[in-house]
Amino acid sequence: MRDHPVIEQVEGTGYPNLADQPAHSGTDYFGDEILEGDEIVIDGEEMILKNNLEDYLSDVYGLEFTTAK
């Protein structure tokens, strides 16, 4: 009887090396994890993931984003 493929992999190569994971650089304004290599924006002491910038500008500065008509 064979073991599950994951068990065979762990027995053959050991557990995955957590050191290979990207370095954690903290969290942004919204609590999202920032990993090494992520694009961020810094506003004073606040770090914001670039993908969250529009939400941050709306929350903090009250800016409104819309489409021109």
N, C-alpha and C. Protein backbone atom coordinates (compact mmCIF):
# COMPACT_ATOMS: atom_id res chain seq x y z
N MET A 1 0.84 -1.18 0.00
CA MET A 1 0.00 0.00 0.00
C MET A 1 0.89 1.25 0.00
N ARG A 2 0.57 2.18 -0.86
CA ARG A 2 1.36 3.42 -0.96
C ARG A 2 0.79 4.50 -0.06
N ASP A 3 1.69 5.38 0.40
CA ASP A 3 1.26 6.55 1.17
C ASP A 3 0.74 7.61 0.21
N HIS A 4 0.07 8.58 0.78
CA HIS A 4 -0.39 9.74 0.02
C HIS A 4 0.83 10.42 -0.60
N PRO A 5 0.71 10.98 -1.83
CA PRO A 5 1.87 11.61 -2.48
C PRO A 5 2.54 12.70 -1.64
N VAL A 6 1.76 13.45 -0.88
CA VAL A 6 2.35 14.51 -0.04
C VAL A 6 3.23 13.89 1.04
N ILE A 7 2.76 12.78 1.62
CA ILE A 7 3.56 12.10 2.65
C ILE A 7 4.84 11.57 2.04
N GLU A 8 4.75 11.01 0.85
CA GLU A 8 5.95 10.51 0.19
C GLU A 8 6.94 11.64 -0.10
N GLN A 9 6.41 12.81 -0.50
CA GLN A 9 7.29 13.95 -0.77
C GLN A 9 8.00 14.40 0.50
N VAL A 10 7.26 14.52 1.60
CA VAL A 10 7.85 14.95 2.87
C VAL A 10 8.91 13.94 3.33
N GLU A 11 8.60 12.65 3.18
CA GLU A 11 9.57 11.63 3.58
C GLU A 11 10.82 11.68 2.69
N GLY A 12 10.63 12.02 1.41
CA GLY A 12 11.77 12.04 0.49
C GLY A 12 12.60 13.29 0.55
N THR A 13 11.95 14.44 0.72
CA THR A 13 12.68 15.71 0.64
C THR A 13 12.57 16.55 1.91
N GLY A 14 11.76 16.14 2.85
CA GLY A 14 11.58 16.91 4.07
C GLY A 14 10.48 17.95 3.88
N TYR A 15 10.20 18.65 4.94
CA TYR A 15 9.18 19.69 4.89
C TYR A 15 9.66 20.86 4.06
N PRO A 16 8.71 21.62 3.46
CA PRO A 16 9.12 22.79 2.68
C PRO A 16 9.95 23.75 3.52
N ASN A 17 10.93 24.37 2.90
CA ASN A 17 11.81 25.30 3.60
C ASN A 17 11.12 26.65 3.69
N LEU A 18 10.73 27.02 4.89
CA LEU A 18 10.03 28.29 5.08
C LEU A 18 10.94 29.48 4.79
N ALA A 19 12.26 29.27 4.80
CA ALA A 19 13.20 30.35 4.52
C ALA A 19 13.09 30.80 3.06
N ASP A 20 12.51 29.95 2.20
CA ASP A 20 12.36 30.31 0.79
C ASP A 20 11.19 31.26 0.56
N GLN A 21 10.39 31.51 1.58
CA GLN A 21 9.26 32.41 1.45
C GLN A 21 9.76 33.85 1.40
N PRO A 22 9.01 34.75 0.68
CA PRO A 22 9.43 36.16 0.66
C PRO A 22 9.45 36.74 2.08
N ALA A 23 10.37 37.64 2.31
CA ALA A 23 10.48 38.27 3.63
C ALA A 23 9.26 39.14 3.89
N HIS A 24 8.76 39.05 5.10
CA HIS A 24 7.60 39.83 5.54
C HIS A 24 8.10 41.21 5.97
N SER A 25 7.49 42.26 5.42
CA SER A 25 7.93 43.62 5.73
C SER A 25 6.92 44.40 6.56
N GLY A 26 5.96 43.72 7.14
CA GLY A 26 4.95 44.37 7.96
C GLY A 26 3.59 44.34 7.30
N THR A 27 2.72 45.23 7.75
CA THR A 27 1.38 45.33 7.19
C THR A 27 1.11 46.77 6.78
N ASP A 28 0.18 46.94 5.85
CA ASP A 28 -0.14 48.28 5.40
C ASP A 28 -1.28 48.87 6.22
N TYR A 29 -1.74 50.04 5.85
CA TYR A 29 -2.80 50.78 6.53
C TYR A 29 -4.03 49.90 6.77
N PHE A 30 -4.34 49.02 5.83
CA PHE A 30 -5.54 48.19 5.90
C PHE A 30 -5.27 46.84 6.58
N GLY A 31 -4.05 46.61 7.03
CA GLY A 31 -3.72 45.36 7.69
C GLY A 31 -3.30 44.26 6.73
N ASP A 32 -3.13 44.59 5.45
CA ASP A 32 -2.69 43.60 4.47
C ASP A 32 -1.19 43.39 4.59
N GLU A 33 -0.79 42.14 4.47
CA GLU A 33 0.63 41.78 4.60
C GLU A 33 1.44 42.37 3.46
N ILE A 34 2.58 42.95 3.80
CA ILE A 34 3.52 43.47 2.81
C ILE A 34 4.70 42.51 2.75
N LEU A 35 4.96 42.00 1.55
CA LEU A 35 6.07 41.07 1.35
C LEU A 35 7.18 41.75 0.56
N GLU A 36 8.39 41.26 0.72
CA GLU A 36 9.53 41.78 -0.03
C GLU A 36 9.18 41.76 -1.52
N GLY A 37 9.41 42.88 -2.20
CA GLY A 37 9.12 42.97 -3.63
C GLY A 37 7.78 43.61 -3.94
N ASP A 38 6.88 43.75 -2.94
CA ASP A 38 5.60 44.42 -3.17
C ASP A 38 5.82 45.90 -3.42
N GLU A 39 5.01 46.49 -4.28
CA GLU A 39 5.07 47.93 -4.51
C GLU A 39 4.28 48.63 -3.41
N ILE A 40 4.91 49.59 -2.76
CA ILE A 40 4.26 50.32 -1.67
C ILE A 40 4.41 51.82 -1.88
N VAL A 41 3.55 52.55 -1.19
CA VAL A 41 3.60 54.01 -1.13
C VAL A 41 3.75 54.37 0.34
N ILE A 42 4.58 55.34 0.63
CA ILE A 42 4.78 55.76 2.02
C ILE A 42 4.23 57.17 2.18
N ASP A 43 3.35 57.33 3.17
CA ASP A 43 2.76 58.62 3.50
C ASP A 43 3.11 58.91 4.94
N GLY A 44 4.15 59.70 5.13
CA GLY A 44 4.62 59.94 6.49
C GLY A 44 5.17 58.65 7.06
N GLU A 45 4.52 58.13 8.09
CA GLU A 45 4.95 56.87 8.70
C GLU A 45 4.09 55.70 8.26
N GLU A 46 3.11 55.95 7.40
CA GLU A 46 2.17 54.92 6.97
C GLU A 46 2.65 54.27 5.67
N MET A 47 2.63 52.92 5.62
CA MET A 47 2.93 52.19 4.39
C MET A 47 1.61 51.69 3.81
N ILE A 48 1.47 51.84 2.50
CA ILE A 48 0.26 51.42 1.82
C ILE A 48 0.67 50.61 0.59
N LEU A 49 0.08 49.42 0.43
CA LEU A 49 0.30 48.68 -0.80
C LEU A 49 -0.23 49.50 -1.97
N LYS A 50 0.51 49.53 -3.06
CA LYS A 50 0.10 50.33 -4.22
C LYS A 50 -1.31 49.97 -4.67
N ASN A 51 -1.66 48.70 -4.57
CA ASN A 51 -3.01 48.27 -4.96
C ASN A 51 -4.09 48.85 -4.06
N ASN A 52 -3.74 49.30 -2.87
CA ASN A 52 -4.70 49.87 -1.93
C ASN A 52 -4.68 51.40 -1.91
N LEU A 53 -3.90 52.00 -2.78
CA LEU A 53 -3.70 53.45 -2.72
C LEU A 53 -4.99 54.23 -2.90
N GLU A 54 -5.81 53.87 -3.87
CA GLU A 54 -7.06 54.60 -4.10
C GLU A 54 -7.96 54.56 -2.86
N ASP A 55 -8.08 53.39 -2.24
CA ASP A 55 -8.90 53.27 -1.02
C ASP A 55 -8.31 54.11 0.11
N TYR A 56 -6.99 54.12 0.23
CA TYR A 56 -6.32 54.91 1.27
C TYR A 56 -6.59 56.40 1.08
N LEU A 57 -6.42 56.87 -0.15
CA LEU A 57 -6.65 58.30 -0.43
C LEU A 57 -8.10 58.70 -0.18
N SER A 58 -9.02 57.79 -0.43
CA SER A 58 -10.43 58.06 -0.15
C SER A 58 -10.68 58.10 1.35
N ASP A 59 -10.13 57.12 2.08
CA ASP A 59 -10.35 57.04 3.53
C ASP A 59 -9.70 58.20 4.28
N VAL A 60 -8.44 58.46 3.99
CA VAL A 60 -7.66 59.41 4.79
C VAL A 60 -7.88 60.85 4.34
N TYR A 61 -7.91 61.08 3.04
CA TYR A 61 -7.98 62.45 2.54
C TYR A 61 -9.34 62.82 1.94
N GLY A 62 -10.25 61.86 1.92
CA GLY A 62 -11.58 62.14 1.41
C GLY A 62 -11.65 62.36 -0.10
N LEU A 63 -10.62 61.91 -0.81
CA LEU A 63 -10.63 62.09 -2.25
C LEU A 63 -11.66 61.17 -2.88
N GLU A 64 -12.29 61.65 -3.95
CA GLU A 64 -13.30 60.86 -4.66
C GLU A 64 -12.78 60.54 -6.05
N PHE A 65 -12.83 59.28 -6.42
CA PHE A 65 -12.40 58.83 -7.72
C PHE A 65 -13.63 58.50 -8.54
N THR A 66 -13.66 59.03 -9.76
CA THR A 66 -14.81 58.81 -10.63
C THR A 66 -14.35 58.84 -12.08
N THR A 67 -15.25 58.63 -12.99
CA THR A 67 -14.95 58.67 -14.42
C THR A 67 -15.56 59.93 -15.02
N ALA A 68 -14.81 60.64 -15.83
CA ALA A 68 -15.30 61.87 -16.46
C ALA A 68 -16.41 61.52 -17.44
N LYS A 69 -17.39 62.43 -17.52
CA LYS A 69 -18.51 62.23 -18.46
C LYS A 69 -18.54 63.33 -19.47
